[in-house]
């Protein structure tokens, strides 16, 4: 990629490091789920009434695995989409007698 800056790249040359819409959704949902997980953990551990160990563990595990599993599933779905093949220039054709006569 000598002589070409990142701004000169075409859409077909897009790097996998450039975020996609799906990655933006994954990051946003991950942050939202993380805040929800912290809130749920504090709320669950802070309440002593109706304490049930299986329910508490299920809620905490769900709250803490959602920020990890949600974006992973979104990214797997995004990367399984077919990517467009890079376009190449048409090969040069040789001049034929029919073309030269016109």
Protein backbone atom coordinates (compact mmCIF):
# COMPACT_ATOMS: atom_id res chain seq x y z
CA UNK A 1 0.00 0.00 0.00
CA UNK A 2 2.88 2.31 -0.72
CA UNK A 3 2.00 5.79 -1.79
CA UNK A 4 -1.63 5.50 -0.68
CA UNK A 5 -2.96 7.05 2.48
CA UNK A 6 -5.81 5.60 4.49
CA UNK A 7 -8.08 8.35 3.16
CA UNK A 8 -7.47 7.27 -0.43
CA UNK A 9 -8.66 3.72 0.14
CA UNK A 10 -11.73 2.71 -1.79
CA UNK A 11 -14.73 0.95 -0.31
CA UNK A 12 -13.47 -2.37 -1.66
CA UNK A 13 -10.17 -1.93 0.20
CA UNK A 14 -11.91 -1.47 3.55
CA UNK A 15 -9.86 -2.80 6.40
CA UNK A 16 -11.39 -5.25 8.88
CA UNK A 17 -10.29 -2.75 11.54
CA UNK A 18 -12.79 -0.18 10.29
CA UNK A 19 -15.96 -0.45 12.39
CA UNK A 20 -19.17 -1.54 10.76
CA UNK A 21 -22.72 -0.72 11.77
CA UNK A 22 -22.96 -4.11 13.47
CA UNK A 23 -19.84 -3.44 15.51
CA UNK A 24 -21.26 -0.10 16.59
CA UNK A 25 -24.46 -1.80 17.71
CA UNK A 26 -22.41 -4.44 19.53
CA UNK A 27 -20.36 -1.82 21.36
CA UNK A 28 -23.44 0.17 22.33
CA UNK A 29 -25.31 -2.86 23.56
CA UNK A 30 -22.24 -4.05 25.45
CA UNK A 31 -21.98 -0.77 27.35
CA UNK A 32 -25.71 -0.75 28.09
CA UNK A 33 -25.64 -4.35 29.28
CA UNK A 34 -22.59 -3.68 31.45
CA UNK A 35 -24.40 -0.84 33.23
CA UNK A 36 -27.44 -3.09 33.62
CA UNK A 37 -25.25 -5.91 34.97
CA UNK A 38 -23.68 -3.67 37.62
CA UNK A 39 -27.07 -2.32 38.64
CA UNK A 40 -28.62 -5.81 38.79
CA UNK A 41 -25.72 -7.22 40.82
CA UNK A 42 -25.89 -4.40 43.36
CA UNK A 43 -29.68 -4.69 43.57
CA UNK A 44 -29.60 -8.48 43.97
CA UNK A 45 -26.83 -8.53 46.55
CA UNK A 46 -28.38 -5.61 48.42
CA UNK A 47 -31.79 -7.24 48.89
CA UNK A 48 -32.09 -9.89 51.58
CA UNK A 49 -35.76 -10.72 51.24
CA UNK A 50 -36.76 -13.50 48.86
CA UNK A 51 -33.13 -14.55 48.62
CA UNK A 52 -32.76 -17.75 46.62
CA UNK A 53 -29.28 -18.91 45.66
CA UNK A 54 -30.24 -20.52 42.30
CA UNK A 55 -32.28 -17.49 41.24
CA UNK A 56 -29.58 -15.10 42.36
CA UNK A 57 -26.84 -17.01 40.53
CA UNK A 58 -28.98 -17.24 37.40
CA UNK A 59 -29.66 -13.50 37.42
CA UNK A 60 -26.04 -12.57 38.07
CA UNK A 61 -24.70 -14.96 35.43
CA UNK A 62 -27.24 -13.72 32.91
CA UNK A 63 -26.43 -10.10 33.70
CA UNK A 64 -22.69 -10.61 33.40
CA UNK A 65 -22.65 -12.88 30.37
CA UNK A 66 -24.99 -10.67 28.32
CA UNK A 67 -22.28 -8.03 27.69
CA UNK A 68 -20.00 -10.75 26.39
CA UNK A 69 -22.37 -13.06 24.51
CA UNK A 70 -24.51 -10.35 22.90
CA UNK A 71 -21.71 -8.57 21.02
CA UNK A 72 -20.02 -11.88 20.15
CA UNK A 73 -23.21 -13.14 18.51
CA UNK A 74 -23.67 -9.84 16.68
CA UNK A 75 -20.08 -9.88 15.42
CA UNK A 76 -20.31 -13.51 14.32
CA UNK A 77 -23.45 -12.62 12.39
CA UNK A 78 -21.80 -9.56 10.86
CA UNK A 79 -18.65 -11.38 9.77
CA UNK A 80 -20.59 -14.29 8.28
CA UNK A 81 -22.17 -11.91 5.78
CA UNK A 82 -20.56 -12.23 2.34
CA UNK A 83 -18.08 -9.48 1.66
CA UNK A 84 -17.96 -7.97 -1.82
CA UNK A 85 -15.00 -9.11 -3.89
CA UNK A 86 -12.52 -6.40 -4.80
CA UNK A 87 -13.12 -5.02 -8.25
CA UNK A 88 -10.31 -5.26 -10.74
CA UNK A 89 -9.79 -3.23 -13.85
CA UNK A 90 -10.79 -4.84 -17.12
CA UNK A 91 -7.80 -6.32 -18.92
CA UNK A 92 -6.46 -4.38 -21.85
CA UNK A 93 -7.74 -5.77 -25.12
CA UNK A 94 -5.55 -5.93 -28.14
CA UNK A 95 -6.52 -3.97 -31.20
CA UNK A 96 -8.16 -6.08 -33.87
CA UNK A 97 -8.34 -5.26 -37.58
CA UNK A 98 -12.08 -4.59 -37.19
CA UNK A 99 -11.40 -1.90 -34.61
CA UNK A 100 -8.61 -0.33 -36.60
CA UNK A 101 -10.77 0.02 -39.71
CA UNK A 102 -13.37 2.23 -37.96
